[in-house]
């Protein structure tokens, strides 16, 4: 049986991983074993972070809608409930954009929510 030399494959694998750890601190960027450990952890944190980003953005949208509703003497939950009863199906991202960039349109939505609540 012929001998298989794996040096080129190993070097390629190591270089690919070390390229991903560029910018890490100390041995974490240039020693394969340390870099591999750190990269696995970094990937796990990145995965979790992508989920948390969605959560954080939803919270931000709610805060913006709440501020817009309070300008018209209405609480956030009454506003959202009124919109739901009126059949307005705008998501929170679009409502927050309206509250910031289109205050006249948002005030009309507040009126719709007030009418449907009473």
PDB file of N, CA and C in Angstrom:
ATOM      1  N   UNK A   1       0.837  -1.186   0.000  1.00  0.00           N
ATOM      2  CA  UNK A   1       0.000   0.000   0.000  1.00  0.00           C
ATOM      3  C   UNK A   1       0.879   1.245   0.000  1.00  0.00           C
ATOM      4  N   UNK A   2       0.457   2.256  -0.765  1.00  0.00           N
ATOM      5  CA  UNK A   2       1.280   3.463  -0.881  1.00  0.00           C
ATOM      6  C   UNK A   2       1.087   4.372   0.323  1.00  0.00           C
ATOM      7  N   UNK A   3       2.099   5.155   0.530  1.00  0.00           N
ATOM      8  CA  UNK A   3       2.094   6.071   1.669  1.00  0.00           C
ATOM      9  C   UNK A   3       1.360   7.357   1.294  1.00  0.00           C
ATOM     10  N   UNK A   4       0.491   7.843   2.202  1.00  0.00           N
ATOM     11  CA  UNK A   4      -0.255   9.076   1.973  1.00  0.00           C
ATOM     12  C   UNK A   4       0.314  10.166   2.873  1.00  0.00           C
ATOM     13  N   UNK A   5       0.772  11.235   2.258  1.00  0.00           N
ATOM     14  CA  UNK A   5       1.282  12.362   3.028  1.00  0.00           C
ATOM     15  C   UNK A   5       0.171  13.407   3.116  1.00  0.00           C
ATOM     16  N   UNK A   6      -0.170  13.801   4.345  1.00  0.00           N
ATOM     17  CA  UNK A   6      -1.322  14.685   4.542  1.00  0.00           C
ATOM     18  C   UNK A   6      -0.925  16.112   4.874  1.00  0.00           C
ATOM     19  N   UNK A   7       0.323  16.458   4.708  1.00  0.00           N
ATOM     20  CA  UNK A   7       0.803  17.779   5.114  1.00  0.00           C
ATOM     21  C   UNK A   7       0.068  18.920   4.441  1.00  0.00           C
ATOM     22  N   UNK A   8      -0.187  18.812   3.162  1.00  0.00           N
ATOM     23  CA  UNK A   8      -0.825  19.915   2.439  1.00  0.00           C
ATOM     24  C   UNK A   8      -2.268  20.112   2.897  1.00  0.00           C
ATOM     25  N   UNK A   9      -2.978  19.013   3.152  1.00  0.00           N
ATOM     26  CA  UNK A   9      -4.376  19.095   3.587  1.00  0.00           C
ATOM     27  C   UNK A   9      -4.458  19.723   4.972  1.00  0.00           C
ATOM     28  N   UNK A  10      -3.563  19.286   5.862  1.00  0.00           N
ATOM     29  CA  UNK A  10      -3.548  19.823   7.228  1.00  0.00           C
ATOM     30  C   UNK A  10      -3.205  21.309   7.219  1.00  0.00           C
ATOM     31  N   UNK A  11      -2.205  21.654   6.405  1.00  0.00           N
ATOM     32  CA  UNK A  11      -1.807  23.068   6.337  1.00  0.00           C
ATOM     33  C   UNK A  11      -2.959  23.933   5.827  1.00  0.00           C
ATOM     34  N   UNK A  12      -3.676  23.434   4.835  1.00  0.00           N
ATOM     35  CA  UNK A  12      -4.807  24.177   4.281  1.00  0.00           C
ATOM     36  C   UNK A  12      -5.898  24.368   5.337  1.00  0.00           C
ATOM     37  N   UNK A  13      -6.183  23.312   6.089  1.00  0.00           N
ATOM     38  CA  UNK A  13      -7.204  23.378   7.144  1.00  0.00           C
ATOM     39  C   UNK A  13      -6.785  24.376   8.228  1.00  0.00           C
ATOM     40  N   UNK A  14      -5.527  24.309   8.633  1.00  0.00           N
ATOM     41  CA  UNK A  14      -5.020  25.220   9.664  1.00  0.00           C
ATOM     42  C   UNK A  14      -5.062  26.673   9.179  1.00  0.00           C
ATOM     43  N   UNK A  15      -4.639  26.892   7.935  1.00  0.00           N
ATOM     44  CA  UNK A  15      -4.635  28.255   7.404  1.00  0.00           C
ATOM     45  C   UNK A  15      -6.049  28.821   7.312  1.00  0.00           C
ATOM     46  N   UNK A  16      -7.008  27.978   6.928  1.00  0.00           N
ATOM     47  CA  UNK A  16      -8.400  28.432   6.815  1.00  0.00           C
ATOM     48  C   UNK A  16      -8.933  28.876   8.180  1.00  0.00           C
ATOM     49  N   UNK A  17      -8.615  28.087   9.215  1.00  0.00           N
ATOM     50  CA  UNK A  17      -9.082  28.431  10.560  1.00  0.00           C
ATOM     51  C   UNK A  17      -8.357  29.668  11.082  1.00  0.00           C
ATOM     52  N   UNK A  18      -7.059  29.738  10.875  1.00  0.00           N
ATOM     53  CA  UNK A  18      -6.297  30.881  11.384  1.00  0.00           C
ATOM     54  C   UNK A  18      -6.688  32.172  10.674  1.00  0.00           C
ATOM     55  N   UNK A  19      -7.137  32.062   9.431  1.00  0.00           N
ATOM     56  CA  UNK A  19      -7.608  33.245   8.716  1.00  0.00           C
ATOM     57  C   UNK A  19      -8.870  33.799   9.384  1.00  0.00           C
ATOM     58  N   UNK A  20      -9.711  32.920   9.911  1.00  0.00           N
ATOM     59  CA  UNK A  20     -10.940  33.350  10.579  1.00  0.00           C
ATOM     60  C   UNK A  20     -10.667  33.995  11.930  1.00  0.00           C
ATOM     61  N   UNK A  21      -9.534  33.640  12.551  1.00  0.00           N
ATOM     62  CA  UNK A  21      -9.227  34.177  13.885  1.00  0.00           C
ATOM     63  C   UNK A  21      -8.360  35.429  13.814  1.00  0.00           C
ATOM     64  N   UNK A  22      -8.222  35.998  12.634  1.00  0.00           N
ATOM     65  CA  UNK A  22      -7.438  37.225  12.479  1.00  0.00           C
ATOM     66  C   UNK A  22      -8.062  38.322  13.343  1.00  0.00           C
ATOM     67  N   UNK A  23      -7.251  38.991  14.129  1.00  0.00           N
ATOM     68  CA  UNK A  23      -7.742  40.056  14.981  1.00  0.00           C
ATOM     69  C   UNK A  23      -7.965  39.622  16.422  1.00  0.00           C
ATOM     70  N   UNK A  24      -7.862  38.309  16.694  1.00  0.00           N
ATOM     71  CA  UNK A  24      -7.995  37.847  18.068  1.00  0.00           C
ATOM     72  C   UNK A  24      -6.715  38.194  18.822  1.00  0.00           C
ATOM     73  N   UNK A  25      -6.741  38.078  20.137  1.00  0.00           N
ATOM     74  CA  UNK A  25      -5.656  38.540  20.988  1.00  0.00           C
ATOM     75  C   UNK A  25      -4.706  37.401  21.344  1.00  0.00           C
ATOM     76  N   UNK A  26      -3.425  37.664  21.314  1.00  0.00           N
ATOM     77  CA  UNK A  26      -2.408  36.722  21.788  1.00  0.00           C
ATOM     78  C   UNK A  26      -2.342  35.447  20.954  1.00  0.00           C
ATOM     79  N   UNK A  27      -2.192  34.312  21.651  1.00  0.00           N
ATOM     80  CA  UNK A  27      -2.080  33.025  20.972  1.00  0.00           C
ATOM     81  C   UNK A  27      -3.368  32.620  20.280  1.00  0.00           C
ATOM     82  N   UNK A  28      -4.441  33.287  20.583  1.00  0.00           N
ATOM     83  CA  UNK A  28      -5.739  32.928  20.013  1.00  0.00           C
ATOM     84  C   UNK A  28      -5.785  33.158  18.507  1.00  0.00           C
ATOM     85  N   UNK A  29      -4.823  33.902  17.982  1.00  0.00           N
ATOM     86  CA  UNK A  29      -4.839  34.172  16.543  1.00  0.00           C
ATOM     87  C   UNK A  29      -3.819  33.363  15.759  1.00  0.00           C
ATOM     88  N   UNK A  30      -2.795  32.804  16.431  1.00  0.00           N
ATOM     89  CA  UNK A  30      -1.742  32.165  15.637  1.00  0.00           C
ATOM     90  C   UNK A  30      -1.346  30.761  16.096  1.00  0.00           C
ATOM     91  N   UNK A  31      -1.903  30.275  17.188  1.00  0.00           N
ATOM     92  CA  UNK A  31      -1.652  28.893  17.618  1.00  0.00           C
ATOM     93  C   UNK A  31      -2.928  28.108  17.328  1.00  0.00           C
ATOM     94  N   UNK A  32      -2.798  27.074  16.511  1.00  0.00           N
ATOM     95  CA  UNK A  32      -3.986  26.395  15.986  1.00  0.00           C
ATOM     96  C   UNK A  32      -4.922  25.915  17.095  1.00  0.00           C
ATOM     97  N   UNK A  33      -4.383  25.277  18.111  1.00  0.00           N
ATOM     98  CA  UNK A  33      -5.235  24.697  19.156  1.00  0.00           C
ATOM     99  C   UNK A  33      -6.012  25.783  19.906  1.00  0.00           C
ATOM    100  N   UNK A  34      -5.314  26.849  20.293  1.00  0.00           N
ATOM    101  CA  UNK A  34      -5.987  27.960  20.989  1.00  0.00           C
ATOM    102  C   UNK A  34      -7.007  28.640  20.061  1.00  0.00           C
ATOM    103  N   UNK A  35      -6.617  28.804  18.813  1.00  0.00           N
ATOM    104  CA  UNK A  35      -7.490  29.482  17.848  1.00  0.00           C
ATOM    105  C   UNK A  35      -8.765  28.685  17.623  1.00  0.00           C
ATOM    106  N   UNK A  36      -8.641  27.368  17.557  1.00  0.00           N
ATOM    107  CA  UNK A  36      -9.810  26.520  17.315  1.00  0.00           C
ATOM    108  C   UNK A  36     -10.802  26.620  18.475  1.00  0.00           C
ATOM    109  N   UNK A  37     -10.276  26.568  19.699  1.00  0.00           N
ATOM    110  CA  UNK A  37     -11.140  26.693  20.889  1.00  0.00           C
ATOM    111  C   UNK A  37     -11.876  28.027  20.875  1.00  0.00           C
ATOM    112  N   UNK A  38     -11.131  29.090  20.614  1.00  0.00           N
ATOM    113  CA  UNK A  38     -11.697  30.431  20.645  1.00  0.00           C
ATOM    114  C   UNK A  38     -12.712  30.630  19.526  1.00  0.00           C
ATOM    115  N   UNK A  39     -12.415  30.092  18.350  1.00  0.00           N
ATOM    116  CA  UNK A  39     -13.320  30.254  17.223  1.00  0.00           C
ATOM    117  C   UNK A  39     -14.641  29.527  17.473  1.00  0.00           C
ATOM    118  N   UNK A  40     -14.577  28.341  18.075  1.00  0.00           N
ATOM    119  CA  UNK A  40     -15.814  27.614  18.390  1.00  0.00           C
ATOM    120  C   UNK A  40     -16.689  28.425  19.341  1.00  0.00           C
ATOM    121  N   UNK A  41     -16.047  29.000  20.343  1.00  0.00           N
ATOM    122  CA  UNK A  41     -16.794  29.823  21.295  1.00  0.00           C
ATOM    123  C   UNK A  41     -17.339  31.075  20.621  1.00  0.00           C
ATOM    124  N   UNK A  42     -16.533  31.692  19.772  1.00  0.00           N
ATOM    125  CA  UNK A  42     -16.958  32.907  19.074  1.00  0.00           C
ATOM    126  C   UNK A  42     -18.157  32.620  18.179  1.00  0.00           C
ATOM    127  N   UNK A  43     -18.141  31.480  17.502  1.00  0.00           N
ATOM    128  CA  UNK A  43     -19.270  31.116  16.638  1.00  0.00           C
ATOM    129  C   UNK A  43     -20.535  30.888  17.462  1.00  0.00           C
ATOM    130  N   UNK A  44     -20.385  30.286  18.634  1.00  0.00           N
ATOM    131  CA  UNK A  44     -21.541  30.063  19.505  1.00  0.00           C
ATOM    132  C   UNK A  44     -22.131  31.393  19.967  1.00  0.00           C
ATOM    133  N   UNK A  45     -21.253  32.328  20.362  1.00  0.00           N
ATOM    134  CA  UNK A  45     -21.727  33.643  20.791  1.00  0.00           C
ATOM    135  C   UNK A  45     -22.391  34.387  19.635  1.00  0.00           C
ATOM    136  N   UNK A  46     -21.847  34.227  18.430  1.00  0.00           N
ATOM    137  CA  UNK A  46     -22.429  34.897  17.268  1.00  0.00           C
ATOM    138  C   UNK A  46     -23.833  34.368  16.993  1.00  0.00           C
ATOM    139  N   UNK A  47     -24.014  33.056  17.147  1.00  0.00           N
ATOM    140  CA  UNK A  47     -25.322  32.445  16.919  1.00  0.00           C
ATOM    141  C   UNK A  47     -26.330  32.984  17.932  1.00  0.00           C
ATOM    142  N   UNK A  48     -25.928  33.016  19.194  1.00  0.00           N
ATOM    143  CA  UNK A  48     -26.805  33.533  20.247  1.00  0.00           C
ATOM    144  C   UNK A  48     -27.102  35.014  20.008  1.00  0.00           C
ATOM    145  N   UNK A  49     -26.067  35.760  19.585  1.00  0.00           N
ATOM    146  CA  UNK A  49     -26.217  37.188  19.350  1.00  0.00           C
ATOM    147  C   UNK A  49     -27.215  37.512  18.257  1.00  0.00           C
ATOM    148  N   UNK A  50     -27.265  36.660  17.224  1.00  0.00           N
ATOM    149  CA  UNK A  50     -28.227  36.905  16.148  1.00  0.00           C
ATOM    150  C   UNK A  50     -29.659  36.755  16.658  1.00  0.00           C
ATOM    151  N   UNK A  51     -29.880  35.873  17.607  1.00  0.00           N
ATOM    152  CA  UNK A  51     -31.213  35.721  18.199  1.00  0.00           C
ATOM    153  C   UNK A  51     -31.529  36.903  19.123  1.00  0.00           C
ATOM    154  N   UNK A  52     -30.531  37.333  19.908  1.00  0.00           N
ATOM    155  CA  UNK A  52     -30.740  38.449  20.839  1.00  0.00           C
ATOM    156  C   UNK A  52     -30.987  39.753  20.103  1.00  0.00           C
ATOM    157  N   UNK A  53     -30.389  39.911  18.926  1.00  0.00           N
ATOM    158  CA  UNK A  53     -30.566  41.128  18.146  1.00  0.00           C
ATOM    159  C   UNK A  53     -32.033  41.314  17.786  1.00  0.00           C
ATOM    160  N   UNK A  54     -32.697  40.236  17.416  1.00  0.00           N
ATOM    161  CA  UNK A  54     -34.122  40.301  17.071  1.00  0.00           C
ATOM    162  C   UNK A  54     -34.937  40.738  18.287  1.00  0.00           C
ATOM    163  N   UNK A  55     -34.586  40.182  19.454  1.00  0.00           N
ATOM    164  CA  UNK A  55     -35.264  40.537  20.704  1.00  0.00           C
ATOM    165  C   UNK A  55     -35.071  42.011  21.032  1.00  0.00           C
ATOM    166  N   UNK A  56     -33.828  42.467  20.914  1.00  0.00           N
ATOM    167  CA  UNK A  56     -33.511  43.857  21.248  1.00  0.00           C
ATOM    168  C   UNK A  56     -34.222  44.834  20.318  1.00  0.00           C
ATOM    169  N   UNK A  57     -34.267  44.493  19.039  1.00  0.00           N
ATOM    170  CA  UNK A  57     -34.915  45.382  18.076  1.00  0.00           C
ATOM    171  C   UNK A  57     -36.411  45.482  18.353  1.00  0.00           C
ATOM    172  N   UNK A  58     -37.038  44.365  18.691  1.00  0.00           N
ATOM    173  CA  UNK A  58     -38.472  44.393  19.014  1.00  0.00           C
ATOM    174  C   UNK A  58     -38.719  45.306  20.217  1.00  0.00           C
ATOM    175  N   UNK A  59     -37.853  45.222  21.221  1.00  0.00           N
ATOM    176  CA  UNK A  59     -37.966  46.107  22.378  1.00  0.00           C
ATOM    177  C   UNK A  59     -37.833  47.569  21.996  1.00  0.00           C
ATOM    178  N   UNK A  60     -36.906  47.856  21.092  1.00  0.00           N
ATOM    179  CA  UNK A  60     -36.716  49.228  20.625  1.00  0.00           C
ATOM    180  C   UNK A  60     -37.956  49.736  19.893  1.00  0.00           C
ATOM    181  N   UNK A  61     -38.546  48.879  19.050  1.00  0.00           N
ATOM    182  CA  UNK A  61     -39.756  49.270  18.327  1.00  0.00           C
ATOM    183  C   UNK A  61     -40.879  49.587  19.306  1.00  0.00           C
ATOM    184  N   UNK A  62     -41.013  48.777  20.335  1.00  0.00           N
ATOM    185  CA  UNK A  62     -42.081  48.972  21.321  1.00  0.00           C
ATOM    186  C   UNK A  62     -41.886  50.305  22.052  1.00  0.00           C
ATOM    187  N   UNK A  63     -40.642  50.618  22.417  1.00  0.00           N
ATOM    188  CA  UNK A  63     -40.351  51.882  23.111  1.00  0.00           C
ATOM    189  C   UNK A  63     -40.725  53.070  22.228  1.00  0.00           C
ATOM    190  N   UNK A  64     -40.419  52.979  20.936  1.00  0.00           N
ATOM    191  CA  UNK A  64     -40.724  54.079  20.013  1.00  0.00           C
ATOM    192  C   UNK A  64     -42.235  54.253  19.843  1.00  0.00           C
ATOM    193  N   UNK A  65     -42.947  53.133  19.720  1.00  0.00           N
ATOM    194  CA  UNK A  65     -44.412  53.198  19.572  1.00  0.00           C
ATOM    195  C   UNK A  65     -45.026  53.775  20.840  1.00  0.00           C
ATOM    196  N   UNK A  66     -44.520  53.333  21.977  1.00  0.00           N
ATOM    197  CA  UNK A  66     -45.024  53.824  23.259  1.00  0.00           C
ATOM    198  C   UNK A  66     -44.852  55.334  23.364  1.00  0.00           C
ATOM    199  N   UNK A  67     -43.685  55.842  22.964  1.00  0.00           N
ATOM    200  CA  UNK A  67     -43.435  57.287  23.016  1.00  0.00           C
ATOM    201  C   UNK A  67     -44.395  58.030  22.090  1.00  0.00           C
ATOM    202  N   UNK A  68     -44.627  57.478  20.907  1.00  0.00           N
ATOM    203  CA  UNK A  68     -45.545  58.110  19.970  1.00  0.00           C
ATOM    204  C   UNK A  68     -46.973  58.111  20.474  1.00  0.00           C
ATOM    205  N   UNK A  69     -47.386  57.024  21.105  1.00  0.00           N
ATOM    206  CA  UNK A  69     -48.745  56.931  21.627  1.00  0.00           C
ATOM    207  C   UNK A  69     -48.939  57.866  22.815  1.00  0.00           C
ATOM    208  N   UNK A  70     -47.913  58.002  23.649  1.00  0.00           N
ATOM    209  CA  UNK A  70     -48.029  58.866  24.824  1.00  0.00           C
ATOM    210  C   UNK A  70     -48.141  60.338  24.448  1.00  0.00           C
ATOM    211  N   UNK A  71     -47.636  60.716  23.275  1.00  0.00           N
ATOM    212  CA  UNK A  71     -47.809  62.094  22.805  1.00  0.00           C
ATOM    213  C   UNK A  71     -49.283  62.407  22.574  1.00  0.00           C
ATOM    214  N   UNK A  72     -50.056  61.370  22.296  1.00  0.00           N
ATOM    215  CA  UNK A  72     -51.488  61.525  22.052  1.00  0.00           C
ATOM    216  C   UNK A  72     -52.322  61.031  23.243  1.00  0.00           C
ATOM    217  N   UNK A  73     -51.715  61.018  24.420  1.00  0.00           N
ATOM    218  CA  UNK A  73     -52.389  60.621  25.674  1.00  0.00           C
ATOM    219  C   UNK A  73     -53.005  59.224  25.580  1.00  0.00           C
ATOM    220  N   UNK A  74     -52.218  58.270  25.113  1.00  0.00           N
ATOM    221  CA  UNK A  74     -52.692  56.892  25.008  1.00  0.00           C
ATOM    222  C   UNK A  74     -51.547  55.968  25.400  1.00  0.00           C
ATOM    223  N   UNK A  75     -51.871  54.921  26.115  1.00  0.00           N
ATOM    224  CA  UNK A  75     -50.820  53.979  26.504  1.00  0.00           C
ATOM    225  C   UNK A  75     -50.564  53.001  25.361  1.00  0.00           C
ATOM    226  N   UNK A  76     -49.404  52.345  25.437  1.00  0.00           N
ATOM    227  CA  UNK A  76     -49.007  51.413  24.373  1.00  0.00           C
ATOM    228  C   UNK A  76     -49.998  50.266  24.241  1.00  0.00           C
ATOM    229  N   UNK A  77     -50.376  49.656  25.372  1.00  0.00           N
ATOM    230  CA  UNK A  77     -51.247  48.478  25.274  1.00  0.00           C
ATOM    231  C   UNK A  77     -52.647  48.844  24.782  1.00  0.00           C
ATOM    232  N   UNK A  78     -53.155  50.006  25.165  1.00  0.00           N
ATOM    233  CA  UNK A  78     -54.466  50.441  24.662  1.00  0.00           C
ATOM    234  C   UNK A  78     -54.382  50.722  23.155  1.00  0.00           C
ATOM    235  N   UNK A  79     -53.266  51.311  22.742  1.00  0.00           N
ATOM    236  CA  UNK A  79     -53.062  51.605  21.325  1.00  0.00           C
ATOM    237  C   UNK A  79     -53.024  50.325  20.499  1.00  0.00           C
ATOM    238  N   UNK A  80     -52.229  49.368  20.936  1.00  0.00           N
ATOM    239  CA  UNK A  80     -52.095  48.112  20.183  1.00  0.00           C
ATOM    240  C   UNK A  80     -53.416  47.332  20.176  1.00  0.00           C
ATOM    241  N   UNK A  81     -54.116  47.339  21.313  1.00  0.00           N
ATOM    242  CA  UNK A  81     -55.398  46.632  21.378  1.00  0.00           C
ATOM    243  C   UNK A  81     -56.424  47.286  20.452  1.00  0.00           C
ATOM    244  N   UNK A  82     -56.419  48.618  20.435  1.00  0.00           N
ATOM    245  CA  UNK A  82     -57.330  49.345  19.551  1.00  0.00           C
ATOM    246  C   UNK A  82     -57.057  49.054  18.081  1.00  0.00           C
ATOM    247  N   UNK A  83     -55.785  49.001  17.719  1.00  0.00           N
ATOM    248  CA  UNK A  83     -55.430  48.683  16.333  1.00  0.00           C
ATOM    249  C   UNK A  83     -55.865  47.268  15.965  1.00  0.00           C
ATOM    250  N   UNK A  84     -55.697  46.352  16.904  1.00  0.00           N
ATOM    251  CA  UNK A  84     -56.082  44.965  16.636  1.00  0.00           C
ATOM    252  C   UNK A  84     -57.593  44.848  16.445  1.00  0.00           C
ATOM    253  N   UNK A  85     -58.349  45.553  17.290  1.00  0.00           N
ATOM    254  CA  UNK A  85     -59.806  45.535  17.158  1.00  0.00           C
ATOM    255  C   UNK A  85     -60.270  46.190  15.866  1.00  0.00           C
ATOM    256  N   UNK A  86     -59.523  47.200  15.409  1.00  0.00           N
ATOM    257  CA  UNK A  86     -59.869  47.912  14.177  1.00  0.00           C
ATOM    258  C   UNK A  86     -59.453  47.133  12.930  1.00  0.00           C
ATOM    259  N   UNK A  87     -58.651  46.082  13.122  1.00  0.00           N
ATOM    260  CA  UNK A  87     -58.221  45.275  11.983  1.00  0.00           C
ATOM    261  C   UNK A  87     -56.999  45.825  11.265  1.00  0.00           C
ATOM    262  N   UNK A  88     -56.242  46.677  11.939  1.00  0.00           N
ATOM    263  CA  UNK A  88     -55.016  47.222  11.356  1.00  0.00           C
ATOM    264  C   UNK A  88     -53.890  46.228  11.643  1.00  0.00           C
ATOM    265  N   UNK A  89     -53.287  45.710  10.581  1.00  0.00           N
ATOM    266  CA  UNK A  89     -52.262  44.668  10.758  1.00  0.00           C
ATOM    267  C   UNK A  89     -50.881  45.167  10.363  1.00  0.00           C
ATOM    268  N   UNK A  90     -50.451  46.265  10.967  1.00  0.00           N
ATOM    269  CA  UNK A  90     -49.090  46.754  10.765  1.00  0.00           C
ATOM    270  C   UNK A  90     -48.201  46.154  11.847  1.00  0.00           C
ATOM    271  N   UNK A  91     -47.008  45.726  11.449  1.00  0.00           N
ATOM    272  CA  UNK A  91     -46.107  45.178  12.464  1.00  0.00           C
ATOM    273  C   UNK A  91     -45.435  46.300  13.249  1.00  0.00           C
ATOM    274  N   UNK A  92     -44.774  45.938  14.323  1.00  0.00           N
ATOM    275  CA  UNK A  92     -44.201  46.930  15.229  1.00  0.00           C
ATOM    276  C   UNK A  92     -43.086  47.737  14.574  1.00  0.00           C
ATOM    277  N   UNK A  93     -42.353  47.106  13.670  1.00  0.00           N
ATOM    278  CA  UNK A  93     -41.279  47.831  12.985  1.00  0.00           C
ATOM    279  C   UNK A  93     -41.853  48.982  12.168  1.00  0.00           C
ATOM    280  N   UNK A  94     -42.906  48.722  11.417  1.00  0.00           N
ATOM    281  CA  UNK A  94     -43.510  49.762  10.584  1.00  0.00           C
ATOM    282  C   UNK A  94     -44.197  50.826  11.439  1.00  0.00           C
ATOM    283  N   UNK A  95     -44.819  50.406  12.533  1.00  0.00           N
ATOM    284  CA  UNK A  95     -45.449  51.380  13.433  1.00  0.00           C
ATOM    285  C   UNK A  95     -44.403  52.323  14.029  1.00  0.00           C
ATOM    286  N   UNK A  96     -43.238  51.773  14.392  1.00  0.00           N
ATOM    287  CA  UNK A  96     -42.191  52.631  14.962  1.00  0.00           C
ATOM    288  C   UNK A  96     -41.648  53.596  13.901  1.00  0.00           C
ATOM    289  N   UNK A  97     -41.539  53.138  12.663  1.00  0.00           N
ATOM    290  CA  UNK A  97     -41.088  54.022  11.581  1.00  0.00           C
ATOM    291  C   UNK A  97     -42.097  55.152  11.363  1.00  0.00           C
ATOM    292  N   UNK A  98     -43.380  54.822  11.420  1.00  0.00           N
ATOM    293  CA  UNK A  98     -44.417  55.846  11.289  1.00  0.00           C
ATOM    294  C   UNK A  98     -44.341  56.852  12.433  1.00  0.00           C
ATOM    295  N   UNK A  99     -44.128  56.347  13.645  1.00  0.00           N
ATOM    296  CA  UNK A  99     -44.065  57.222  14.815  1.00  0.00           C
ATOM    297  C   UNK A  99     -42.912  58.224  14.693  1.00  0.00           C
ATOM    298  N   UNK A 100     -41.814  57.808  14.071  1.00  0.00           N
ATOM    299  CA  UNK A 100     -40.647  58.691  13.959  1.00  0.00           C
ATOM    300  C   UNK A 100     -40.757  59.619  12.746  1.00  0.00           C
ATOM    301  N   UNK A 101     -41.011  59.038  11.569  1.00  0.00           N
ATOM    302  CA  UNK A 101     -40.889  59.796  10.321  1.00  0.00           C
ATOM    303  C   UNK A 101     -42.204  60.348   9.782  1.00  0.00           C
ATOM    304  N   UNK A 102     -43.340  59.805  10.213  1.00  0.00           N
ATOM    305  CA  UNK A 102     -44.650  60.261   9.737  1.00  0.00           C
ATOM    306  C   UNK A 102     -45.587  60.509  10.923  1.00  0.00           C
ATOM    307  N   UNK A 103     -45.351  61.556  11.712  1.00  0.00           N
ATOM    308  CA  UNK A 103     -46.180  61.779  12.900  1.00  0.00           C
ATOM    309  C   UNK A 103     -47.655  62.026  12.570  1.00  0.00           C
ATOM    310  N   UNK A 104     -47.948  62.634  11.411  1.00  0.00           N
ATOM    311  CA  UNK A 104     -49.352  62.879  11.048  1.00  0.00           C
ATOM    312  C   UNK A 104     -50.061  61.549  10.785  1.00  0.00           C
ATOM    313  N   UNK A 105     -49.404  60.666  10.062  1.00  0.00           N
ATOM    314  CA  UNK A 105     -49.988  59.348   9.799  1.00  0.00           C
ATOM    315  C   UNK A 105     -50.168  58.540  11.075  1.00  0.00           C
ATOM    316  N   UNK A 106     -49.191  58.666  11.972  1.00  0.00           N
ATOM    317  CA  UNK A 106     -49.289  57.943  13.247  1.00  0.00           C
ATOM    318  C   UNK A 106     -50.441  58.484  14.078  1.00  0.00           C
ATOM    319  N   UNK A 107     -50.665  59.803  14.038  1.00  0.00           N
ATOM    320  CA  UNK A 107     -51.775  60.379  14.808  1.00  0.00           C
ATOM    321  C   UNK A 107     -53.113  59.872  14.273  1.00  0.00           C
ATOM    322  N   UNK A 108     -53.203  59.644  12.963  1.00  0.00           N
ATOM    323  CA  UNK A 108     -54.424  59.079  12.385  1.00  0.00           C
ATOM    324  C   UNK A 108     -54.641  57.643  12.883  1.00  0.00           C
ATOM    325  N   UNK A 109     -53.557  56.898  13.012  1.00  0.00           N
ATOM    326  CA  UNK A 109     -53.664  55.539  13.562  1.00  0.00           C
ATOM    327  C   UNK A 109     -54.124  55.574  15.019  1.00  0.00           C
ATOM    328  N   UNK A 110     -53.646  56.569  15.759  1.00  0.00           N
ATOM    329  CA  UNK A 110     -54.076  56.715  17.156  1.00  0.00           C
ATOM    330  C   UNK A 110     -55.574  56.992  17.207  1.00  0.00           C
ATOM    331  N   UNK A 111     -56.067  57.828  16.300  1.00  0.00           N
ATOM    332  CA  UNK A 111     -57.512  58.109  16.251  1.00  0.00           C
ATOM    333  C   UNK A 111     -58.297  56.841  15.931  1.00  0.00           C
ATOM    334  N   UNK A 112     -57.791  56.053  15.001  1.00  0.00           N
ATOM    335  CA  UNK A 112     -58.446  54.780  14.651  1.00  0.00           C
ATOM    336  C   UNK A 112     -58.491  53.857  15.874  1.00  0.00           C
ATOM    337  N   UNK A 113     -57.394  53.804  16.599  1.00  0.00           N
ATOM    338  CA  UNK A 113     -57.325  52.950  17.798  1.00  0.00           C
ATOM    339  C   UNK A 113     -58.294  53.455  18.873  1.00  0.00           C
ATOM    340  N   UNK A 114     -58.393  54.771  19.029  1.00  0.00           N
ATOM    341  CA  UNK A 114     -59.300  55.336  20.035  1.00  0.00           C
ATOM    342  C   UNK A 114     -60.750  55.032  19.689  1.00  0.00           C
ATOM    343  N   UNK A 115     -61.113  55.163  18.399  1.00  0.00           N
ATOM    344  CA  UNK A 115     -62.487  54.900  17.987  1.00  0.00           C
ATOM    345  C   UNK A 115     -62.862  53.444  18.196  1.00  0.00           C
ATOM    346  N   UNK A 116     -61.969  52.547  17.881  1.00  0.00           N
ATOM    347  CA  UNK A 116     -62.301  51.119  17.989  1.00  0.00           C
ATOM    348  C   UNK A 116     -62.349  50.648  19.434  1.00  0.00           C
ATOM    349  N   UNK A 117     -61.659  51.369  20.320  1.00  0.00           N
ATOM    350  CA  UNK A 117     -61.681  50.985  21.741  1.00  0.00           C
ATOM    351  C   UNK A 117     -62.973  51.416  22.419  1.00  0.00           C
ATOM    352  N   UNK A 118     -63.584  52.502  21.972  1.00  0.00           N
ATOM    353  CA  UNK A 118     -64.789  52.989  22.654  1.00  0.00           C
ATOM    354  C   UNK A 118     -66.066  52.432  22.070  1.00  0.00           C
TER     355      UNK A 118
END
